[in-house]
């Protein structure tokens, strides 16, 4: 059995985190779409970008996976929202619960990293979605904004990168455990 890092990234931040974790741990990092069968992997680290409350590619990558004794699943989300903002981790975990069978969710080790956004690089569809969200949020009272709402409002139309490779330290420590 061996360990593997998988990632799904639309705009590159989750990929950059996966590559940095690979360099620090010595584990191979592969796009989730190119993943080999996972049944014989001892540790599976999955890094996925958060988009509209879902972790990119997670459901498909975990389809049919049943963790055996001795296997570990480490799920790492990468999103625009500061994971330390009030309510952010709970919201992300609720999304993960909806995407995963209970047996996987209950055994997964969860980590949350902050990514970024570059509006100029967004697809036309994503730009339109963000514009609609921004317009809607401007009409919502601030006391009803979630951490995700605040992140959208604070970064709208900008290029921001909150990537912090030092945030990989707890994940790396667990891999070495």
C-alpha atoms as a PDB file:
ATOM      1  CA  UNK A   1       0.000   0.000   0.000  1.00  0.00           C
ATOM      2  CA  UNK A   2       1.177   3.470  -0.783  1.00  0.00           C
ATOM      3  CA  UNK A   3       0.054   7.026  -0.208  1.00  0.00           C
ATOM      4  CA  UNK A   4      -1.227   9.436  -2.841  1.00  0.00           C
ATOM      5  CA  UNK A   5      -2.250  13.082  -3.222  1.00  0.00           C
ATOM      6  CA  UNK A   6      -5.149  13.815  -5.562  1.00  0.00           C
ATOM      7  CA  UNK A   7      -6.363  17.249  -6.559  1.00  0.00           C
ATOM      8  CA  UNK A   8      -9.141  18.884  -8.532  1.00  0.00           C
ATOM      9  CA  UNK A   9      -8.613  22.518  -9.415  1.00  0.00           C
ATOM     10  CA  UNK A  10     -10.383  24.693 -11.938  1.00  0.00           C
ATOM     11  CA  UNK A  11      -8.225  27.820 -11.624  1.00  0.00           C
ATOM     12  CA  UNK A  12      -5.021  26.414 -10.130  1.00  0.00           C
ATOM     13  CA  UNK A  13      -4.921  27.106  -6.407  1.00  0.00           C
ATOM     14  CA  UNK A  14      -5.713  23.555  -5.236  1.00  0.00           C
ATOM     15  CA  UNK A  15      -3.166  22.277  -7.781  1.00  0.00           C
ATOM     16  CA  UNK A  16      -0.494  24.610  -6.388  1.00  0.00           C
ATOM     17  CA  UNK A  17      -1.218  23.439  -2.836  1.00  0.00           C
ATOM     18  CA  UNK A  18      -1.102  19.791  -3.979  1.00  0.00           C
ATOM     19  CA  UNK A  19       2.220  20.314  -5.749  1.00  0.00           C
ATOM     20  CA  UNK A  20       3.689  22.026  -2.680  1.00  0.00           C
ATOM     21  CA  UNK A  21       2.457  19.214  -0.419  1.00  0.00           C
ATOM     22  CA  UNK A  22       3.926  16.691  -2.843  1.00  0.00           C
ATOM     23  CA  UNK A  23       7.290  18.445  -2.805  1.00  0.00           C
ATOM     24  CA  UNK A  24       7.318  18.573   1.006  1.00  0.00           C
ATOM     25  CA  UNK A  25       6.085  15.018   1.584  1.00  0.00           C
ATOM     26  CA  UNK A  26       7.626  13.159  -1.328  1.00  0.00           C
ATOM     27  CA  UNK A  27       4.209  11.738  -2.254  1.00  0.00           C
ATOM     28  CA  UNK A  28       3.014  11.771  -5.843  1.00  0.00           C
ATOM     29  CA  UNK A  29       0.317  14.321  -6.714  1.00  0.00           C
ATOM     30  CA  UNK A  30      -2.098  13.521  -9.519  1.00  0.00           C
ATOM     31  CA  UNK A  31      -5.159  15.168 -10.975  1.00  0.00           C
ATOM     32  CA  UNK A  32      -8.188  13.389  -9.522  1.00  0.00           C
ATOM     33  CA  UNK A  33      -9.341  12.672 -13.082  1.00  0.00           C
ATOM     34  CA  UNK A  34      -6.133  10.643 -13.592  1.00  0.00           C
ATOM     35  CA  UNK A  35      -6.334   8.739 -10.293  1.00  0.00           C
ATOM     36  CA  UNK A  36      -5.536   5.047 -10.208  1.00  0.00           C
ATOM     37  CA  UNK A  37      -7.826   2.716  -8.230  1.00  0.00           C
ATOM     38  CA  UNK A  38      -7.840   3.890  -4.614  1.00  0.00           C
ATOM     39  CA  UNK A  39      -8.650   0.614  -2.865  1.00  0.00           C
ATOM     40  CA  UNK A  40      -4.945  -0.247  -2.473  1.00  0.00           C
ATOM     41  CA  UNK A  41      -3.833   3.183  -1.211  1.00  0.00           C
ATOM     42  CA  UNK A  42      -2.932   3.510   2.458  1.00  0.00           C
ATOM     43  CA  UNK A  43      -3.464   7.282   2.672  1.00  0.00           C
ATOM     44  CA  UNK A  44      -5.503   9.314   0.201  1.00  0.00           C
ATOM     45  CA  UNK A  45      -5.122  13.081   0.409  1.00  0.00           C
ATOM     46  CA  UNK A  46      -7.736  14.864  -1.676  1.00  0.00           C
ATOM     47  CA  UNK A  47      -7.383  18.608  -2.308  1.00  0.00           C
ATOM     48  CA  UNK A  48     -10.320  20.206  -4.045  1.00  0.00           C
ATOM     49  CA  UNK A  49     -11.419  23.700  -4.869  1.00  0.00           C
ATOM     50  CA  UNK A  50     -14.688  24.905  -3.368  1.00  0.00           C
ATOM     51  CA  UNK A  51     -17.144  26.156  -5.957  1.00  0.00           C
ATOM     52  CA  UNK A  52     -20.727  27.079  -5.096  1.00  0.00           C
ATOM     53  CA  UNK A  53     -20.576  25.018  -1.916  1.00  0.00           C
ATOM     54  CA  UNK A  54     -19.198  21.848  -3.499  1.00  0.00           C
ATOM     55  CA  UNK A  55     -15.694  20.433  -3.583  1.00  0.00           C
ATOM     56  CA  UNK A  56     -14.703  20.028  -7.210  1.00  0.00           C
ATOM     57  CA  UNK A  57     -14.634  16.395  -8.349  1.00  0.00           C
ATOM     58  CA  UNK A  58     -14.973  14.946  -4.854  1.00  0.00           C
ATOM     59  CA  UNK A  59     -18.110  12.901  -5.364  1.00  0.00           C
ATOM     60  CA  UNK A  60     -16.772  11.301  -8.543  1.00  0.00           C
ATOM     61  CA  UNK A  61     -13.323  10.598  -7.084  1.00  0.00           C
ATOM     62  CA  UNK A  62     -14.768   8.944  -3.970  1.00  0.00           C
ATOM     63  CA  UNK A  63     -17.465   6.964  -5.808  1.00  0.00           C
ATOM     64  CA  UNK A  64     -17.321   3.346  -4.742  1.00  0.00           C
ATOM     65  CA  UNK A  65     -14.545   3.902  -2.204  1.00  0.00           C
ATOM     66  CA  UNK A  66     -14.937   1.998   1.037  1.00  0.00           C
ATOM     67  CA  UNK A  67     -12.123   2.620   3.494  1.00  0.00           C
ATOM     68  CA  UNK A  68     -10.606  -0.546   4.881  1.00  0.00           C
ATOM     69  CA  UNK A  69      -8.831  -0.942   8.217  1.00  0.00           C
ATOM     70  CA  UNK A  70      -5.588   0.984   8.097  1.00  0.00           C
ATOM     71  CA  UNK A  71      -6.657   3.301   5.270  1.00  0.00           C
ATOM     72  CA  UNK A  72      -6.872   7.073   5.789  1.00  0.00           C
ATOM     73  CA  UNK A  73      -8.732   9.757   3.901  1.00  0.00           C
ATOM     74  CA  UNK A  74      -7.590  13.346   4.311  1.00  0.00           C
ATOM     75  CA  UNK A  75      -9.912  15.900   2.681  1.00  0.00           C
ATOM     76  CA  UNK A  76      -8.516  19.362   2.065  1.00  0.00           C
ATOM     77  CA  UNK A  77     -10.799  22.107   0.794  1.00  0.00           C
ATOM     78  CA  UNK A  78      -9.447  25.221  -0.909  1.00  0.00           C
ATOM     79  CA  UNK A  79     -11.721  28.227  -1.095  1.00  0.00           C
ATOM     80  CA  UNK A  80     -11.965  31.986  -1.198  1.00  0.00           C
ATOM     81  CA  UNK A  81     -13.503  32.239   2.264  1.00  0.00           C
ATOM     82  CA  UNK A  82     -11.222  32.446   5.287  1.00  0.00           C
ATOM     83  CA  UNK A  83     -11.781  29.075   6.985  1.00  0.00           C
ATOM     84  CA  UNK A  84     -11.255  30.722  10.375  1.00  0.00           C
ATOM     85  CA  UNK A  85     -14.151  33.158   9.848  1.00  0.00           C
ATOM     86  CA  UNK A  86     -17.171  32.489  12.078  1.00  0.00           C
ATOM     87  CA  UNK A  87     -19.325  29.708  10.655  1.00  0.00           C
ATOM     88  CA  UNK A  88     -17.032  28.973   7.689  1.00  0.00           C
ATOM     89  CA  UNK A  89     -15.814  25.519   8.741  1.00  0.00           C
ATOM     90  CA  UNK A  90     -19.324  24.445   9.707  1.00  0.00           C
ATOM     91  CA  UNK A  91     -20.641  25.514   6.309  1.00  0.00           C
ATOM     92  CA  UNK A  92     -17.855  23.667   4.481  1.00  0.00           C
ATOM     93  CA  UNK A  93     -18.400  20.530   6.557  1.00  0.00           C
ATOM     94  CA  UNK A  94     -22.137  20.620   5.853  1.00  0.00           C
ATOM     95  CA  UNK A  95     -21.298  20.690   2.138  1.00  0.00           C
ATOM     96  CA  UNK A  96     -18.922  17.759   2.534  1.00  0.00           C
ATOM     97  CA  UNK A  97     -21.624  15.784   4.374  1.00  0.00           C
ATOM     98  CA  UNK A  98     -23.916  16.265   1.366  1.00  0.00           C
ATOM     99  CA  UNK A  99     -21.246  15.112  -1.071  1.00  0.00           C
ATOM    100  CA  UNK A 100     -19.974  12.018   0.714  1.00  0.00           C
ATOM    101  CA  UNK A 101     -21.462   8.827   2.065  1.00  0.00           C
ATOM    102  CA  UNK A 102     -21.640   8.985   5.878  1.00  0.00           C
ATOM    103  CA  UNK A 103     -19.096   6.170   6.229  1.00  0.00           C
ATOM    104  CA  UNK A 104     -16.460   8.203   4.360  1.00  0.00           C
ATOM    105  CA  UNK A 105     -17.294  11.534   5.951  1.00  0.00           C
ATOM    106  CA  UNK A 106     -17.134  10.087   9.461  1.00  0.00           C
ATOM    107  CA  UNK A 107     -13.633   8.679   8.903  1.00  0.00           C
ATOM    108  CA  UNK A 108     -12.186  11.601   6.938  1.00  0.00           C
ATOM    109  CA  UNK A 109      -9.684  14.014   8.433  1.00  0.00           C
ATOM    110  CA  UNK A 110     -10.770  17.509   7.350  1.00  0.00           C
ATOM    111  CA  UNK A 111      -8.570  20.503   6.568  1.00  0.00           C
ATOM    112  CA  UNK A 112      -9.442  23.851   5.054  1.00  0.00           C
ATOM    113  CA  UNK A 113      -7.118  26.193   3.167  1.00  0.00           C
ATOM    114  CA  UNK A 114      -7.657  29.632   1.741  1.00  0.00           C
ATOM    115  CA  UNK A 115      -7.192  30.147  -1.980  1.00  0.00           C
ATOM    116  CA  UNK A 116      -7.911  33.142  -4.122  1.00  0.00           C
ATOM    117  CA  UNK A 117      -9.721  34.438  -7.160  1.00  0.00           C
ATOM    118  CA  UNK A 118      -8.845  36.261 -10.351  1.00  0.00           C
ATOM    119  CA  UNK A 119     -11.985  37.629 -11.959  1.00  0.00           C
ATOM    120  CA  UNK A 120     -10.170  38.193 -15.249  1.00  0.00           C
ATOM    121  CA  UNK A 121      -9.409  34.452 -15.453  1.00  0.00           C
ATOM    122  CA  UNK A 122     -12.956  33.276 -14.649  1.00  0.00           C
ATOM    123  CA  UNK A 123     -15.019  31.623 -17.337  1.00  0.00           C
ATOM    124  CA  UNK A 124     -17.901  33.679 -18.675  1.00  0.00           C
ATOM    125  CA  UNK A 125     -20.358  31.493 -16.766  1.00  0.00           C
ATOM    126  CA  UNK A 126     -18.499  31.894 -13.475  1.00  0.00           C
ATOM    127  CA  UNK A 127     -18.186  35.658 -13.980  1.00  0.00           C
ATOM    128  CA  UNK A 128     -21.930  35.858 -14.569  1.00  0.00           C
ATOM    129  CA  UNK A 129     -22.650  33.763 -11.482  1.00  0.00           C
ATOM    130  CA  UNK A 130     -20.395  35.944  -9.332  1.00  0.00           C
ATOM    131  CA  UNK A 131     -22.032  39.104 -10.711  1.00  0.00           C
ATOM    132  CA  UNK A 132     -25.480  37.772  -9.816  1.00  0.00           C
ATOM    133  CA  UNK A 133     -24.302  36.779  -6.362  1.00  0.00           C
ATOM    134  CA  UNK A 134     -22.677  40.187  -5.808  1.00  0.00           C
ATOM    135  CA  UNK A 135     -25.791  42.036  -6.932  1.00  0.00           C
ATOM    136  CA  UNK A 136     -27.985  39.903  -4.683  1.00  0.00           C
ATOM    137  CA  UNK A 137     -25.721  40.368  -1.667  1.00  0.00           C
ATOM    138  CA  UNK A 138     -25.671  44.136  -1.988  1.00  0.00           C
ATOM    139  CA  UNK A 139     -29.403  44.068  -1.296  1.00  0.00           C
ATOM    140  CA  UNK A 140     -29.039  41.830   1.745  1.00  0.00           C
ATOM    141  CA  UNK A 141     -28.618  43.323   5.225  1.00  0.00           C
ATOM    142  CA  UNK A 142     -25.004  42.881   6.435  1.00  0.00           C
ATOM    143  CA  UNK A 143     -26.121  41.028   9.570  1.00  0.00           C
ATOM    144  CA  UNK A 144     -27.372  38.212   7.305  1.00  0.00           C
ATOM    145  CA  UNK A 145     -24.097  37.807   5.375  1.00  0.00           C
ATOM    146  CA  UNK A 146     -22.195  34.570   5.816  1.00  0.00           C
ATOM    147  CA  UNK A 147     -18.403  34.353   5.783  1.00  0.00           C
ATOM    148  CA  UNK A 148     -18.638  33.320   2.122  1.00  0.00           C
ATOM    149  CA  UNK A 149     -20.852  36.317   1.354  1.00  0.00           C
ATOM    150  CA  UNK A 150     -18.312  38.676   2.951  1.00  0.00           C
ATOM    151  CA  UNK A 151     -15.466  37.115   0.942  1.00  0.00           C
ATOM    152  CA  UNK A 152     -17.379  37.628  -2.303  1.00  0.00           C
ATOM    153  CA  UNK A 153     -18.203  41.233  -1.460  1.00  0.00           C
ATOM    154  CA  UNK A 154     -14.665  42.076  -0.321  1.00  0.00           C
ATOM    155  CA  UNK A 155     -12.944  40.577  -3.378  1.00  0.00           C
ATOM    156  CA  UNK A 156     -15.478  41.181  -6.145  1.00  0.00           C
ATOM    157  CA  UNK A 157     -13.844  42.099  -9.450  1.00  0.00           C
ATOM    158  CA  UNK A 158     -10.343  41.779  -8.027  1.00  0.00           C
ATOM    159  CA  UNK A 159      -7.376  39.473  -8.314  1.00  0.00           C
ATOM    160  CA  UNK A 160      -6.510  38.213  -4.830  1.00  0.00           C
ATOM    161  CA  UNK A 161      -4.376  35.330  -3.669  1.00  0.00           C
ATOM    162  CA  UNK A 162      -4.523  34.193  -0.057  1.00  0.00           C
ATOM    163  CA  UNK A 163      -2.443  31.069  -0.714  1.00  0.00           C
ATOM    164  CA  UNK A 164      -0.263  30.276   2.284  1.00  0.00           C
ATOM    165  CA  UNK A 165       1.872  27.161   1.940  1.00  0.00           C
ATOM    166  CA  UNK A 166       2.680  27.317   5.670  1.00  0.00           C
ATOM    167  CA  UNK A 167      -0.936  26.231   6.205  1.00  0.00           C
ATOM    168  CA  UNK A 168       0.095  22.808   4.874  1.00  0.00           C
ATOM    169  CA  UNK A 169       2.107  22.141   8.073  1.00  0.00           C
ATOM    170  CA  UNK A 170      -0.698  20.360  10.001  1.00  0.00           C
ATOM    171  CA  UNK A 171      -1.444  18.159   6.985  1.00  0.00           C
ATOM    172  CA  UNK A 172       2.216  17.336   6.547  1.00  0.00           C
ATOM    173  CA  UNK A 173       2.520  16.534  10.251  1.00  0.00           C
ATOM    174  CA  UNK A 174      -0.398  14.096  10.007  1.00  0.00           C
ATOM    175  CA  UNK A 175       1.105  12.458   6.926  1.00  0.00           C
ATOM    176  CA  UNK A 176       4.341  11.869   8.824  1.00  0.00           C
ATOM    177  CA  UNK A 177       2.450  10.454  11.822  1.00  0.00           C
END
